[in-house]
Amino acid sequence: MPTNPDPREQGPKPPFPEQKQSHPGTVKRLDPPADHGESSYVGAGKLLGQAAIITGADSGIGRATAIAFAKEGADIVLSYLPEEEADALDVSVVIHQAGRKAIRHPGDIGSLEYAKSLVAIAIKEFGRLDIVVNNAGFQMNSSSPRQPFQRWRRALQFSIRRRFRRLSLESNWLPMPPPKRRLRT
């Protein structure tokens, strides 16, 4: 069985240069570049034949999760904001190179209609929905300890409203049991 390197021992070590990007940032401008498993992760077929929705799949943990799940054998519906299209396209290329299907579907997970469309696309394209990874979030660092109200409101929308909507929608499609397939982040 293939083994993966210990990520704590790979890549550059802190301190890292300050990242000068406006929102939304892009993975391509990270310095040093992030390792999301594009070439370092080796799958073992643990999710072969599964279908997943991953929110926030364009960057960070969502990107790494989408790549790992594909390398483990899952087909993926990628959920991300429209302004993140370039990063999402890069992820879908890696998923296709792993021999899996990637459906890019941009939108705002705070919208009930969009959340419904994610489930519908998974069912239409893959005929099933096995895994939902609620990863999307909104975070902006600020030099001020007081975040403007709009930032706070958007963060709250992503952190609470999206979870409630996704939980209510996915419960009709996810196979039960086993509950271990539900990953909440």
Protein backbone atom coordinates (compact mmCIF):
# COMPACT_ATOMS: atom_id res chain seq x y z
CA MET A 1 0.00 0.00 0.00
CA PRO A 2 1.42 3.42 -0.94
CA THR A 3 2.41 5.72 1.86
CA ASN A 4 2.19 9.47 2.06
CA PRO A 5 4.97 11.62 3.46
CA ASP A 6 4.49 13.23 6.85
CA PRO A 7 3.32 16.77 5.92
CA ARG A 8 4.98 18.18 9.02
CA GLU A 9 8.34 17.22 7.56
CA GLN A 10 7.65 18.48 4.02
CA GLY A 11 7.93 21.91 2.45
CA PRO A 12 9.07 25.26 3.78
CA LYS A 13 9.03 26.12 7.46
CA PRO A 14 7.93 29.35 9.20
CA PRO A 15 8.39 32.21 9.42
CA PHE A 16 6.70 32.99 6.11
CA PRO A 17 6.61 36.32 4.29
CA GLU A 18 3.51 38.47 4.80
CA GLN A 19 0.89 37.66 2.17
CA LYS A 20 -0.18 40.75 0.24
CA GLN A 21 -3.46 39.79 -1.38
CA SER A 22 -6.83 41.44 -1.39
CA HIS A 23 -10.01 39.41 -0.94
CA PRO A 24 -10.53 37.02 -2.53
CA GLY A 25 -6.94 35.84 -2.69
CA THR A 26 -5.62 33.19 -5.02
CA VAL A 27 -3.58 30.08 -4.38
CA LYS A 28 -1.28 31.04 -7.26
CA ARG A 29 0.05 34.07 -5.36
CA LEU A 30 0.90 32.28 -2.12
CA ASP A 31 4.53 32.62 -1.08
CA PRO A 32 5.72 30.00 -0.42
CA PRO A 33 3.35 27.88 -2.51
CA ALA A 34 0.94 25.68 -0.55
CA ASP A 35 0.97 21.90 -0.89
CA HIS A 36 -2.62 20.71 -1.28
CA GLY A 37 -1.59 17.20 -2.31
CA GLU A 38 -1.52 17.84 -6.05
CA SER A 39 1.61 15.71 -6.42
CA SER A 40 2.46 14.71 -2.86
CA TYR A 41 -0.70 12.77 -1.86
CA VAL A 42 -1.08 9.15 -2.93
CA GLY A 43 -4.58 7.69 -2.74
CA ALA A 44 -5.47 4.11 -1.83
CA GLY A 45 -9.00 3.80 -3.29
CA LYS A 46 -10.76 4.25 0.06
CA LEU A 47 -13.63 6.26 -1.50
CA LEU A 48 -13.94 4.39 -4.78
CA GLY A 49 -17.36 4.96 -6.35
CA GLN A 50 -18.43 7.59 -3.83
CA ALA A 51 -19.87 11.00 -4.73
CA ALA A 52 -19.12 14.10 -2.68
CA ILE A 53 -19.98 17.77 -2.43
CA ILE A 54 -17.16 19.89 -1.03
CA THR A 55 -17.80 23.53 -0.23
CA GLY A 56 -14.90 25.96 -0.34
CA ALA A 57 -13.18 23.51 -2.68
CA ASP A 58 -11.11 26.11 -4.53
CA SER A 59 -8.50 26.75 -1.84
CA GLY A 60 -7.08 25.80 1.53
CA ILE A 61 -8.51 22.81 3.37
CA GLY A 62 -11.38 22.46 0.87
CA ARG A 63 -8.95 22.23 -2.03
CA ALA A 64 -6.79 19.65 -0.24
CA THR A 65 -9.91 17.66 0.69
CA ALA A 66 -11.22 17.66 -2.89
CA ILE A 67 -7.86 16.48 -4.22
CA ALA A 68 -7.48 13.79 -1.55
CA PHE A 69 -11.05 12.53 -2.03
CA ALA A 70 -10.54 12.30 -5.80
CA LYS A 71 -7.26 10.45 -5.35
CA GLU A 72 -9.15 8.08 -3.03
CA GLY A 73 -11.70 7.44 -5.82
CA ALA A 74 -14.57 9.89 -5.25
CA ASP A 75 -16.28 12.06 -7.85
CA ILE A 76 -16.63 15.64 -6.65
CA VAL A 77 -19.03 18.57 -6.95
CA LEU A 78 -16.86 21.62 -6.25
CA SER A 79 -18.65 24.49 -4.50
CA TYR A 80 -16.94 27.89 -4.40
CA LEU A 81 -17.60 31.59 -4.96
CA PRO A 82 -17.76 32.77 -8.60
CA GLU A 83 -14.73 35.01 -8.11
CA GLU A 84 -12.68 31.90 -7.27
CA GLU A 85 -13.21 30.30 -10.71
CA ALA A 86 -9.53 30.22 -11.71
CA ASP A 87 -8.50 28.33 -8.55
CA ALA A 88 -11.49 25.96 -8.89
CA LEU A 89 -10.52 25.21 -12.49
CA ASP A 90 -7.04 24.22 -11.31
CA VAL A 91 -8.54 21.84 -8.73
CA SER A 92 -10.83 20.25 -11.32
CA VAL A 93 -7.82 19.58 -13.58
CA VAL A 94 -6.08 17.71 -10.74
CA ILE A 95 -9.27 15.72 -10.07
CA HIS A 96 -9.58 14.76 -13.76
CA GLN A 97 -5.89 13.75 -13.79
CA ALA A 98 -6.70 11.42 -10.89
CA GLY A 99 -9.28 9.75 -13.14
CA ARG A 100 -12.34 11.14 -11.37
CA LYS A 101 -15.16 13.49 -12.33
CA ALA A 102 -15.22 17.09 -11.13
CA ILE A 103 -18.30 19.27 -11.51
CA ARG A 104 -17.57 22.96 -10.91
CA HIS A 105 -20.58 24.82 -9.56
CA PRO A 106 -19.89 28.37 -8.35
CA GLY A 107 -22.30 30.19 -6.06
CA ASP A 108 -22.95 31.53 -2.59
CA ILE A 109 -23.62 28.76 -0.07
CA GLY A 110 -25.62 31.30 1.93
CA SER A 111 -28.34 30.99 -0.72
CA LEU A 112 -30.92 28.25 -0.17
CA GLU A 113 -31.48 27.89 -3.92
CA TYR A 114 -27.77 27.39 -4.51
CA ALA A 115 -27.54 24.79 -1.71
CA LYS A 116 -30.44 22.88 -3.29
CA SER A 117 -28.75 23.03 -6.69
CA LEU A 118 -25.58 21.40 -5.30
CA VAL A 119 -27.52 18.35 -4.17
CA ALA A 120 -29.47 18.23 -7.44
CA ILE A 121 -26.27 18.36 -9.50
CA ALA A 122 -24.66 15.55 -7.50
CA ILE A 123 -27.71 13.35 -8.00
CA LYS A 124 -28.01 14.21 -11.70
CA GLU A 125 -24.31 13.79 -12.54
CA PHE A 126 -23.35 10.91 -10.25
CA GLY A 127 -26.70 9.28 -9.42
CA ARG A 128 -25.90 9.47 -5.73
CA LEU A 129 -24.61 11.59 -2.88
CA ASP A 130 -22.47 9.90 -0.24
CA ILE A 131 -20.37 12.61 1.37
CA VAL A 132 -20.87 16.30 2.11
CA VAL A 133 -17.95 18.35 3.42
CA ASN A 134 -19.14 21.67 4.84
CA ASN A 135 -15.87 23.53 4.58
CA ALA A 136 -16.69 26.94 3.06
CA GLY A 137 -16.08 29.84 5.31
CA PHE A 138 -15.33 33.52 5.28
CA GLN A 139 -12.37 34.93 7.11
CA MET A 140 -10.46 38.13 6.66
CA ASN A 141 -7.58 39.16 8.81
CA SER A 142 -7.71 42.71 10.03
CA SER A 143 -5.11 44.87 11.69
CA SER A 144 -7.91 46.30 13.83
CA PRO A 145 -9.40 44.22 16.65
CA ARG A 146 -12.82 45.53 15.58
CA GLN A 147 -14.12 44.04 12.39
CA PRO A 148 -16.64 46.06 10.42
CA PHE A 149 -20.23 44.89 10.77
CA GLN A 150 -20.45 43.63 7.17
CA ARG A 151 -17.48 41.31 7.64
CA TRP A 152 -18.96 39.98 10.87
CA ARG A 153 -22.35 39.45 9.21
CA ARG A 154 -20.81 37.61 6.25
CA ALA A 155 -18.73 35.40 8.54
CA LEU A 156 -21.83 34.57 10.58
CA GLN A 157 -23.78 33.75 7.41
CA PHE A 158 -21.13 31.27 6.31
CA SER A 159 -20.57 29.78 9.73
CA ILE A 160 -24.14 29.19 10.86
CA ARG A 161 -26.76 29.66 8.13
CA ARG A 162 -24.96 27.50 5.57
CA ARG A 163 -24.63 24.61 8.03
CA PHE A 164 -28.34 24.64 8.84
CA ARG A 165 -29.32 24.74 5.16
CA ARG A 166 -26.90 22.02 4.15
CA LEU A 167 -27.92 19.73 6.98
CA SER A 168 -31.57 20.00 6.04
CA LEU A 169 -30.89 19.38 2.34
CA GLU A 170 -28.38 16.57 2.59
CA SER A 171 -30.43 14.52 5.03
CA ASN A 172 -32.71 13.41 2.17
CA TRP A 173 -29.84 12.09 0.04
CA LEU A 174 -27.05 10.76 2.21
CA PRO A 175 -27.22 7.04 2.85
CA MET A 176 -27.86 6.13 6.46
CA PRO A 177 -26.06 4.62 8.31
CA PRO A 178 -23.05 5.06 8.63
CA PRO A 179 -22.87 8.56 10.11
CA LYS A 180 -19.06 8.41 9.95
CA ARG A 181 -19.36 9.61 6.35
CA ARG A 182 -20.54 13.02 7.52
CA LEU A 183 -17.58 15.29 7.97
CA ARG A 184 -18.29 18.59 9.67
CA THR A 185 -15.62 21.24 9.73
